[in-house]
Protein backbone atom coordinates (compact mmCIF):
# COMPACT_ATOMS: atom_id res chain seq x y z
CA MET A 1 -16.62 -10.79 -11.66
CA SER A 2 -14.47 -13.61 -12.45
CA ASP A 3 -12.61 -16.39 -9.96
CA THR A 4 -9.24 -14.20 -11.06
CA LYS A 5 -10.74 -11.22 -10.48
CA ASP A 6 -12.32 -11.87 -6.98
CA LYS A 7 -9.13 -13.27 -6.04
CA ILE A 8 -6.93 -10.42 -7.15
CA ALA A 9 -9.80 -7.95 -5.27
CA ASP A 10 -9.07 -9.90 -2.15
CA TRP A 11 -5.47 -9.34 -2.11
CA VAL A 12 -5.71 -5.90 -2.97
CA ALA A 13 -8.20 -6.05 0.23
CA ASP A 14 -5.79 -7.57 2.53
CA TYR A 15 -2.89 -4.53 1.63
CA PHE A 16 -5.02 -2.19 2.09
CA GLU A 17 -6.27 -3.89 5.57
CA GLY A 18 -2.77 -4.17 6.46
CA THR A 19 -2.45 -0.18 5.77
CA ARG A 20 -4.79 0.50 8.52
CA SER A 21 -3.30 -2.12 10.84
CA MET A 22 -0.75 0.03 12.56
CA ASN A 23 1.20 -2.78 12.21
CA ALA A 24 4.05 -2.68 9.81
CA GLU A 25 4.89 -6.34 9.77
CA LYS A 26 1.37 -7.12 8.76
CA TRP A 27 1.60 -4.77 6.24
CA ALA A 28 4.89 -5.89 4.68
CA SER A 29 3.91 -9.48 4.89
CA ARG A 30 1.72 -9.44 1.49
CA PHE A 31 5.28 -8.44 -0.02
CA ALA A 32 7.14 -11.10 -1.97
CA GLU A 33 11.07 -11.49 -0.75
CA ASP A 34 12.29 -9.24 -3.35
CA ALA A 35 9.24 -7.24 -4.44
CA ILE A 36 10.23 -3.80 -5.58
CA PHE A 37 8.31 -0.91 -3.53
CA HIS A 38 8.14 2.16 -5.45
CA ASP A 39 5.65 4.46 -3.18
CA PRO A 40 5.44 7.45 -4.06
CA VAL A 41 6.82 7.37 -7.71
CA GLY A 42 9.57 9.86 -8.11
CA THR A 43 11.47 8.77 -4.61
CA GLU A 44 13.66 5.76 -4.07
CA LYS A 45 12.69 2.41 -4.27
CA ALA A 46 12.64 0.18 -1.46
CA ILE A 47 13.86 -3.50 -2.52
CA GLY A 48 13.42 -6.68 -1.28
CA LYS A 49 10.68 -7.23 1.85
CA ALA A 50 13.46 -6.44 4.38
CA GLN A 51 13.67 -2.34 2.96
CA ILE A 52 10.05 -2.97 2.29
CA LEU A 53 9.35 -3.30 6.05
CA GLU A 54 11.55 -0.92 7.16
CA ARG A 55 9.75 1.61 4.97
CA GLY A 56 6.31 0.81 6.46
CA LYS A 57 8.10 1.37 10.18
CA GLY A 58 8.85 4.98 9.05
CA PHE A 59 5.45 5.83 8.24
CA VAL A 60 3.27 3.92 11.07
CA ASN A 61 5.89 5.20 12.86
CA ALA A 62 4.99 9.02 11.87
CA PHE A 63 1.35 8.72 13.24
CA LYS A 64 -0.74 8.05 16.46
CA GLU A 65 -3.20 6.51 13.46
CA VAL A 66 -2.76 5.72 9.49
CA GLY A 67 -4.40 3.97 6.70
CA LEU A 68 -5.43 3.71 3.03
CA HIS A 69 -9.04 3.08 2.14
CA GLU A 70 -9.36 1.93 -1.38
CA THR A 71 -11.94 3.59 -3.38
CA TYR A 72 -11.91 1.73 -6.54
CA VAL A 73 -10.36 -1.15 -7.55
CA HIS A 74 -9.63 -2.63 -11.18
CA CYS A 75 -8.12 -5.89 -11.73
CA HIS A 76 -6.84 -7.40 -14.85
CA ASN A 77 -4.80 -10.72 -14.97
CA GLN A 78 -2.08 -10.44 -12.23
CA THR A 79 -2.17 -6.70 -12.24
CA ALA A 80 -4.47 -4.36 -10.01
CA VAL A 81 -5.08 -0.49 -9.77
CA ALA A 82 -6.40 0.88 -7.29
CA LYS A 83 -7.49 4.61 -6.37
CA TRP A 84 -7.28 5.29 -2.46
CA GLU A 85 -8.08 7.63 0.48
CA GLY A 86 -5.40 8.31 3.61
CA ARG A 87 -6.81 9.43 6.71
CA ALA A 88 -4.22 9.79 9.44
CA ILE A 89 -3.89 11.78 12.63
CA ASP A 90 -0.24 13.06 13.30
CA GLN A 91 1.52 12.90 16.37
CA ASP A 92 0.10 16.41 17.23
CA GLY A 93 -3.70 14.94 17.17
CA LYS A 94 -3.93 16.85 13.59
CA THR A 95 -6.14 15.25 10.99
CA ILE A 96 -4.64 14.55 7.52
CA ASN A 97 -6.47 13.62 4.42
CA PHE A 98 -4.72 12.40 1.47
CA GLU A 99 -5.18 10.47 -1.97
CA GLY A 100 -3.25 8.47 -4.67
CA ILE A 101 -3.34 5.90 -6.70
CA ASN A 102 -1.33 2.24 -6.56
CA VAL A 103 -0.75 -0.12 -9.29
CA PHE A 104 0.26 -3.52 -7.73
CA HIS A 105 1.47 -6.64 -9.35
CA PHE A 106 1.04 -10.16 -8.13
CA SER A 107 2.85 -13.47 -7.98
CA GLN A 108 0.72 -16.33 -8.52
CA GLU A 109 1.03 -17.09 -4.60
CA GLY A 110 -0.76 -13.22 -3.99
CA LEU A 111 2.26 -11.63 -2.99
CA ILE A 112 2.81 -8.41 -4.21
CA THR A 113 5.80 -8.43 -6.72
CA SER A 114 5.83 -4.68 -7.11
CA LEU A 115 4.10 -1.93 -6.53
CA GLU A 116 3.92 1.53 -7.72
CA GLY A 117 2.15 4.68 -5.95
CA PHE A 118 1.05 7.63 -7.29
CA TRP A 119 0.69 10.53 -4.57
CA ASP A 120 2.23 13.78 -3.52
CA PRO A 121 3.27 13.35 0.12
CA SER A 122 3.67 17.51 0.34
CA THR A 123 -0.40 17.47 0.12
CA MET A 124 -0.38 16.18 3.93
CA ALA A 125 1.42 18.89 5.29
């Protein structure tokens, strides 16, 4: 893997580590100030770090525990695609599994400038 691909793969890994931290601020720190978060595609976009942070807080607060685990990552230039498996425990103690694919675009500094998530939230029910 080239140095660029290694760097992008590290940025993707940092994002997924943030999803497992149960800390919306840590997760949101991976985004550029003017980033676009369209996750899942088909829902309203969050634009800018403040909206993205609020979306993250809502997601984290819905669960006792939640995190995404990357199972496949492919990087090209400043873009990456990742297949992931989500694992969560809801507020009632029920285990929930779900899966999806994210498309990332990164700045030269390694911040996410846009993210599109392809998954179906109804599979979490």
